[in-house]
Amino acid sequence: MMATAGRMAAAVLGTWTALVLLLLAPSLLPEQWHYYVYSPASVGLWMVAMLVAPVVTCAVAWRWIRTGGR
């Protein structure tokens, strides 16, 4: 049971890490692009993704979470 919770936590943290890196990646673009990349709509979609993406990740990786890849 603890291993399942650990794998689920790893999947959620991995998803959040990927989403944060995707949020920060456009900061390397020229300054003029930041208004379009970091618009309220795109940030709102990112915030929704922070809630929805871990659920999708856990659903897709459920076999690995439950059995540990065996």
PDB file of N, CA and C in Angstrom:
ATOM      1  N   MET A   1       0.826  -1.193   0.000  1.00  0.00           N
ATOM      2  CA  MET A   1       0.000   0.000   0.000  1.00  0.00           C
ATOM      3  C   MET A   1       0.870   1.257   0.000  1.00  0.00           C
ATOM      4  N   MET A   2       1.948   1.271   0.806  1.00  0.00           N
ATOM      5  CA  MET A   2       2.821   2.444   0.867  1.00  0.00           C
ATOM      6  C   MET A   2       3.552   2.644  -0.444  1.00  0.00           C
ATOM      7  N   ALA A   3       3.943   1.553  -1.094  1.00  0.00           N
ATOM      8  CA  ALA A   3       4.645   1.677  -2.369  1.00  0.00           C
ATOM      9  C   ALA A   3       3.724   2.280  -3.422  1.00  0.00           C
ATOM     10  N   THR A   4       2.454   1.917  -3.383  1.00  0.00           N
ATOM     11  CA  THR A   4       1.489   2.483  -4.325  1.00  0.00           C
ATOM     12  C   THR A   4       1.350   3.980  -4.107  1.00  0.00           C
ATOM     13  N   ALA A   5       1.266   4.402  -2.865  1.00  0.00           N
ATOM     14  CA  ALA A   5       1.164   5.832  -2.566  1.00  0.00           C
ATOM     15  C   ALA A   5       2.428   6.565  -2.989  1.00  0.00           C
ATOM     16  N   GLY A   6       3.568   5.935  -2.817  1.00  0.00           N
ATOM     17  CA  GLY A   6       4.830   6.549  -3.223  1.00  0.00           C
ATOM     18  C   GLY A   6       4.926   6.713  -4.726  1.00  0.00           C
ATOM     19  N   ARG A   7       4.501   5.675  -5.472  1.00  0.00           N
ATOM     20  CA  ARG A   7       4.522   5.780  -6.935  1.00  0.00           C
ATOM     21  C   ARG A   7       3.513   6.807  -7.426  1.00  0.00           C
ATOM     22  N   MET A   8       2.363   6.907  -6.752  1.00  0.00           N
ATOM     23  CA  MET A   8       1.378   7.911  -7.142  1.00  0.00           C
ATOM     24  C   MET A   8       1.917   9.310  -6.851  1.00  0.00           C
ATOM     25  N   ALA A   9       2.554   9.495  -5.719  1.00  0.00           N
ATOM     26  CA  ALA A   9       3.151  10.795  -5.394  1.00  0.00           C
ATOM     27  C   ALA A   9       4.249  11.143  -6.398  1.00  0.00           C
ATOM     28  N   ALA A  10       5.035  10.162  -6.803  1.00  0.00           N
ATOM     29  CA  ALA A  10       6.087  10.400  -7.792  1.00  0.00           C
ATOM     30  C   ALA A  10       5.480  10.810  -9.132  1.00  0.00           C
ATOM     31  N   ALA A  11       4.384  10.184  -9.523  1.00  0.00           N
ATOM     32  CA  ALA A  11       3.729  10.544 -10.781  1.00  0.00           C
ATOM     33  C   ALA A  11       3.180  11.961 -10.725  1.00  0.00           C
ATOM     34  N   VAL A  12       2.573  12.336  -9.613  1.00  0.00           N
ATOM     35  CA  VAL A  12       2.013  13.689  -9.469  1.00  0.00           C
ATOM     36  C   VAL A  12       3.141  14.718  -9.439  1.00  0.00           C
ATOM     37  N   LEU A  13       4.183  14.462  -8.664  1.00  0.00           N
ATOM     38  CA  LEU A  13       5.293  15.416  -8.593  1.00  0.00           C
ATOM     39  C   LEU A  13       6.023  15.526  -9.924  1.00  0.00           C
ATOM     40  N   GLY A  14       6.163  14.425 -10.631  1.00  0.00           N
ATOM     41  CA  GLY A  14       6.777  14.471 -11.958  1.00  0.00           C
ATOM     42  C   GLY A  14       5.949  15.282 -12.941  1.00  0.00           C
ATOM     43  N   THR A  15       4.643  15.130 -12.866  1.00  0.00           N
ATOM     44  CA  THR A  15       3.751  15.911 -13.733  1.00  0.00           C
ATOM     45  C   THR A  15       3.841  17.391 -13.408  1.00  0.00           C
ATOM     46  N   TRP A  16       3.812  17.736 -12.126  1.00  0.00           N
ATOM     47  CA  TRP A  16       3.914  19.137 -11.725  1.00  0.00           C
ATOM     48  C   TRP A  16       5.265  19.729 -12.124  1.00  0.00           C
ATOM     49  N   THR A  17       6.325  18.953 -11.993  1.00  0.00           N
ATOM     50  CA  THR A  17       7.650  19.437 -12.395  1.00  0.00           C
ATOM     51  C   THR A  17       7.681  19.743 -13.885  1.00  0.00           C
ATOM     52  N   ALA A  18       7.121  18.851 -14.684  1.00  0.00           N
ATOM     53  CA  ALA A  18       7.076  19.090 -16.133  1.00  0.00           C
ATOM     54  C   ALA A  18       6.261  20.332 -16.465  1.00  0.00           C
ATOM     55  N   LEU A  19       5.142  20.523 -15.773  1.00  0.00           N
ATOM     56  CA  LEU A  19       4.311  21.697 -16.034  1.00  0.00           C
ATOM     57  C   LEU A  19       5.004  22.997 -15.622  1.00  0.00           C
ATOM     58  N   VAL A  20       5.732  22.978 -14.525  1.00  0.00           N
ATOM     59  CA  VAL A  20       6.456  24.174 -14.094  1.00  0.00           C
ATOM     60  C   VAL A  20       7.570  24.491 -15.086  1.00  0.00           C
ATOM     61  N   LEU A  21       8.281  23.467 -15.548  1.00  0.00           N
ATOM     62  CA  LEU A  21       9.333  23.697 -16.546  1.00  0.00           C
ATOM     63  C   LEU A  21       8.745  24.239 -17.841  1.00  0.00           C
ATOM     64  N   LEU A  22       7.582  23.741 -18.231  1.00  0.00           N
ATOM     65  CA  LEU A  22       6.926  24.273 -19.429  1.00  0.00           C
ATOM     66  C   LEU A  22       6.478  25.716 -19.230  1.00  0.00           C
ATOM     67  N   LEU A  23       6.127  26.082 -18.014  1.00  0.00           N
ATOM     68  CA  LEU A  23       5.748  27.466 -17.740  1.00  0.00           C
ATOM     69  C   LEU A  23       6.963  28.384 -17.808  1.00  0.00           C
ATOM     70  N   LEU A  24       8.102  27.905 -17.337  1.00  0.00           N
ATOM     71  CA  LEU A  24       9.295  28.735 -17.293  1.00  0.00           C
ATOM     72  C   LEU A  24      10.047  28.771 -18.620  1.00  0.00           C
ATOM     73  N   ALA A  25       9.869  27.796 -19.461  1.00  0.00           N
ATOM     74  CA  ALA A  25      10.616  27.711 -20.719  1.00  0.00           C
ATOM     75  C   ALA A  25      10.445  28.937 -21.614  1.00  0.00           C
ATOM     76  N   PRO A  26       9.250  29.501 -21.775  1.00  0.00           N
ATOM     77  CA  PRO A  26       9.118  30.675 -22.642  1.00  0.00           C
ATOM     78  C   PRO A  26       9.829  31.921 -22.126  1.00  0.00           C
ATOM     79  N   SER A  27      10.298  31.920 -20.891  1.00  0.00           N
ATOM     80  CA  SER A  27      11.018  33.089 -20.394  1.00  0.00           C
ATOM     81  C   SER A  27      12.333  33.295 -21.144  1.00  0.00           C
ATOM     82  N   LEU A  28      12.786  32.286 -21.876  1.00  0.00           N
ATOM     83  CA  LEU A  28      13.992  32.413 -22.694  1.00  0.00           C
ATOM     84  C   LEU A  28      13.713  33.133 -24.010  1.00  0.00           C
ATOM     85  N   LEU A  29      12.437  33.302 -24.339  1.00  0.00           N
ATOM     86  CA  LEU A  29      12.067  33.995 -25.577  1.00  0.00           C
ATOM     87  C   LEU A  29      12.271  35.501 -25.421  1.00  0.00           C
ATOM     88  N   PRO A  30      12.266  36.240 -26.526  1.00  0.00           N
ATOM     89  CA  PRO A  30      12.406  37.702 -26.426  1.00  0.00           C
ATOM     90  C   PRO A  30      11.295  38.325 -25.578  1.00  0.00           C
ATOM     91  N   GLU A  31      11.623  39.447 -24.988  1.00  0.00           N
ATOM     92  CA  GLU A  31      10.715  40.144 -24.066  1.00  0.00           C
ATOM     93  C   GLU A  31       9.360  40.468 -24.699  1.00  0.00           C
ATOM     94  N   GLN A  32       9.339  40.762 -25.991  1.00  0.00           N
ATOM     95  CA  GLN A  32       8.089  41.141 -26.655  1.00  0.00           C
ATOM     96  C   GLN A  32       7.083  39.994 -26.674  1.00  0.00           C
ATOM     97  N   TRP A  33       7.522  38.771 -26.591  1.00  0.00           N
ATOM     98  CA  TRP A  33       6.638  37.610 -26.658  1.00  0.00           C
ATOM     99  C   TRP A  33       5.968  37.304 -25.320  1.00  0.00           C
ATOM    100  N   HIS A  34       6.520  37.808 -24.235  1.00  0.00           N
ATOM    101  CA  HIS A  34       6.022  37.445 -22.908  1.00  0.00           C
ATOM    102  C   HIS A  34       4.559  37.832 -22.711  1.00  0.00           C
ATOM    103  N   TYR A  35       4.134  38.936 -23.295  1.00  0.00           N
ATOM    104  CA  TYR A  35       2.737  39.346 -23.147  1.00  0.00           C
ATOM    105  C   TYR A  35       1.799  38.283 -23.710  1.00  0.00           C
ATOM    106  N   TYR A  36       2.166  37.686 -24.831  1.00  0.00           N
ATOM    107  CA  TYR A  36       1.304  36.691 -25.474  1.00  0.00           C
ATOM    108  C   TYR A  36       1.422  35.324 -24.811  1.00  0.00           C
ATOM    109  N   VAL A  37       2.628  34.974 -24.420  1.00  0.00           N
ATOM    110  CA  VAL A  37       2.835  33.657 -23.810  1.00  0.00           C
ATOM    111  C   VAL A  37       2.241  33.609 -22.411  1.00  0.00           C
ATOM    112  N   TYR A  38       2.431  34.675 -21.657  1.00  0.00           N
ATOM    113  CA  TYR A  38       1.958  34.709 -20.275  1.00  0.00           C
ATOM    114  C   TYR A  38       0.685  35.538 -20.147  1.00  0.00           C
ATOM    115  N   SER A  39      -0.209  35.401 -21.105  1.00  0.00           N
ATOM    116  CA  SER A  39      -1.485  36.102 -21.034  1.00  0.00           C
ATOM    117  C   SER A  39      -2.344  35.480 -19.929  1.00  0.00           C
ATOM    118  N   PRO A  40      -3.344  36.208 -19.447  1.00  0.00           N
ATOM    119  CA  PRO A  40      -4.201  35.642 -18.402  1.00  0.00           C
ATOM    120  C   PRO A  40      -4.856  34.324 -18.816  1.00  0.00           C
ATOM    121  N   ALA A  41      -5.207  34.198 -20.081  1.00  0.00           N
ATOM    122  CA  ALA A  41      -5.839  32.957 -20.534  1.00  0.00           C
ATOM    123  C   ALA A  41      -4.860  31.791 -20.472  1.00  0.00           C
ATOM    124  N   SER A  42      -3.627  31.990 -20.913  1.00  0.00           N
ATOM    125  CA  SER A  42      -2.671  30.885 -20.903  1.00  0.00           C
ATOM    126  C   SER A  42      -2.275  30.508 -19.476  1.00  0.00           C
ATOM    127  N   VAL A  43      -2.159  31.491 -18.603  1.00  0.00           N
ATOM    128  CA  VAL A  43      -1.846  31.186 -17.207  1.00  0.00           C
ATOM    129  C   VAL A  43      -3.026  30.472 -16.554  1.00  0.00           C
ATOM    130  N   GLY A  44      -4.246  30.866 -16.893  1.00  0.00           N
ATOM    131  CA  GLY A  44      -5.427  30.172 -16.374  1.00  0.00           C
ATOM    132  C   GLY A  44      -5.482  28.728 -16.840  1.00  0.00           C
ATOM    133  N   LEU A  45      -5.167  28.504 -18.105  1.00  0.00           N
ATOM    134  CA  LEU A  45      -5.125  27.127 -18.612  1.00  0.00           C
ATOM    135  C   LEU A  45      -4.030  26.324 -17.918  1.00  0.00           C
ATOM    136  N   TRP A  46      -2.901  26.960 -17.653  1.00  0.00           N
ATOM    137  CA  TRP A  46      -1.819  26.278 -16.939  1.00  0.00           C
ATOM    138  C   TRP A  46      -2.275  25.891 -15.530  1.00  0.00           C
ATOM    139  N   MET A  47      -3.003  26.784 -14.864  1.00  0.00           N
ATOM    140  CA  MET A  47      -3.487  26.485 -13.516  1.00  0.00           C
ATOM    141  C   MET A  47      -4.489  25.325 -13.531  1.00  0.00           C
ATOM    142  N   VAL A  48      -5.345  25.289 -14.540  1.00  0.00           N
ATOM    143  CA  VAL A  48      -6.272  24.160 -14.671  1.00  0.00           C
ATOM    144  C   VAL A  48      -5.487  22.876 -14.944  1.00  0.00           C
ATOM    145  N   ALA A  49      -4.450  22.976 -15.765  1.00  0.00           N
ATOM    146  CA  ALA A  49      -3.629  21.801 -16.062  1.00  0.00           C
ATOM    147  C   ALA A  49      -2.936  21.279 -14.806  1.00  0.00           C
ATOM    148  N   MET A  50      -2.565  22.176 -13.891  1.00  0.00           N
ATOM    149  CA  MET A  50      -1.941  21.731 -12.643  1.00  0.00           C
ATOM    150  C   MET A  50      -2.893  20.861 -11.816  1.00  0.00           C
ATOM    151  N   LEU A  51      -4.189  21.052 -11.999  1.00  0.00           N
ATOM    152  CA  LEU A  51      -5.171  20.240 -11.275  1.00  0.00           C
ATOM    153  C   LEU A  51      -5.568  18.983 -12.054  1.00  0.00           C
ATOM    154  N   VAL A  52      -5.694  19.102 -13.365  1.00  0.00           N
ATOM    155  CA  VAL A  52      -6.231  18.008 -14.174  1.00  0.00           C
ATOM    156  C   VAL A  52      -5.143  17.023 -14.619  1.00  0.00           C
ATOM    157  N   ALA A  53      -3.974  17.525 -14.973  1.00  0.00           N
ATOM    158  CA  ALA A  53      -2.920  16.661 -15.530  1.00  0.00           C
ATOM    159  C   ALA A  53      -2.480  15.540 -14.586  1.00  0.00           C
ATOM    160  N   PRO A  54      -2.336  15.767 -13.273  1.00  0.00           N
ATOM    161  CA  PRO A  54      -1.969  14.643 -12.404  1.00  0.00           C
ATOM    162  C   PRO A  54      -3.018  13.524 -12.397  1.00  0.00           C
ATOM    163  N   VAL A  55      -4.282  13.885 -12.505  1.00  0.00           N
ATOM    164  CA  VAL A  55      -5.342  12.863 -12.548  1.00  0.00           C
ATOM    165  C   VAL A  55      -5.211  12.044 -13.824  1.00  0.00           C
ATOM    166  N   VAL A  56      -4.966  12.720 -14.936  1.00  0.00           N
ATOM    167  CA  VAL A  56      -4.789  12.018 -16.212  1.00  0.00           C
ATOM    168  C   VAL A  56      -3.541  11.151 -16.166  1.00  0.00           C
ATOM    169  N   THR A  57      -2.455  11.666 -15.611  1.00  0.00           N
ATOM    170  CA  THR A  57      -1.217  10.892 -15.502  1.00  0.00           C
ATOM    171  C   THR A  57      -1.432   9.638 -14.666  1.00  0.00           C
ATOM    172  N   CYS A  58      -2.117   9.774 -13.555  1.00  0.00           N
ATOM    173  CA  CYS A  58      -2.363   8.612 -12.698  1.00  0.00           C
ATOM    174  C   CYS A  58      -3.283   7.603 -13.383  1.00  0.00           C
ATOM    175  N   ALA A  59      -4.247   8.086 -14.162  1.00  0.00           N
ATOM    176  CA  ALA A  59      -5.135   7.171 -14.883  1.00  0.00           C
ATOM    177  C   ALA A  59      -4.371   6.413 -15.962  1.00  0.00           C
ATOM    178  N   VAL A  60      -3.498   7.103 -16.674  1.00  0.00           N
ATOM    179  CA  VAL A  60      -2.729   6.458 -17.747  1.00  0.00           C
ATOM    180  C   VAL A  60      -1.703   5.489 -17.174  1.00  0.00           C
ATOM    181  N   ALA A  61      -1.064   5.868 -16.081  1.00  0.00           N
ATOM    182  CA  ALA A  61      -0.005   5.043 -15.493  1.00  0.00           C
ATOM    183  C   ALA A  61      -0.512   4.160 -14.358  1.00  0.00           C
ATOM    184  N   TRP A  62      -1.790   3.898 -14.304  1.00  0.00           N
ATOM    185  CA  TRP A  62      -2.354   3.163 -13.168  1.00  0.00           C
ATOM    186  C   TRP A  62      -1.755   1.772 -13.016  1.00  0.00           C
ATOM    187  N   ARG A  63      -1.518   1.076 -14.112  1.00  0.00           N
ATOM    188  CA  ARG A  63      -0.945  -0.280 -14.009  1.00  0.00           C
ATOM    189  C   ARG A  63       0.427  -0.210 -13.343  1.00  0.00           C
ATOM    190  N   TRP A  64       1.259   0.774 -13.738  1.00  0.00           N
ATOM    191  CA  TRP A  64       2.580   0.919 -13.125  1.00  0.00           C
ATOM    192  C   TRP A  64       2.449   1.326 -11.655  1.00  0.00           C
ATOM    193  N   ILE A  65       1.524   2.207 -11.355  1.00  0.00           N
ATOM    194  CA  ILE A  65       1.328   2.656  -9.970  1.00  0.00           C
ATOM    195  C   ILE A  65       0.902   1.477  -9.092  1.00  0.00           C
ATOM    196  N   ARG A  66      -0.006   0.681  -9.596  1.00  0.00           N
ATOM    197  CA  ARG A  66      -0.561  -0.410  -8.799  1.00  0.00           C
ATOM    198  C   ARG A  66       0.429  -1.557  -8.635  1.00  0.00           C
ATOM    199  N   THR A  67       1.146  -1.933  -9.714  1.00  0.00           N
ATOM    200  CA  THR A  67       1.989  -3.138  -9.635  1.00  0.00           C
ATOM    201  C   THR A  67       3.476  -2.839  -9.565  1.00  0.00           C
ATOM    202  N   GLY A  68       3.878  -1.623  -9.853  1.00  0.00           N
ATOM    203  CA  GLY A  68       5.297  -1.306  -9.808  1.00  0.00           C
ATOM    204  C   GLY A  68       6.049  -1.763 -11.038  1.00  0.00           C
ATOM    205  N   GLY A  69       5.361  -1.999 -12.136  1.00  0.00           N
ATOM    206  CA  GLY A  69       6.013  -2.387 -13.381  1.00  0.00           C
ATOM    207  C   GLY A  69       6.234  -3.885 -13.530  1.00  0.00           C
ATOM    208  N   ARG A  70       5.661  -4.666 -12.668  1.00  0.00           N
ATOM    209  CA  ARG A  70       5.830  -6.126 -12.770  1.00  0.00           C
ATOM    210  C   ARG A  70       4.819  -6.728 -13.695  1.00  0.00           C
TER     211      ARG A  70
END
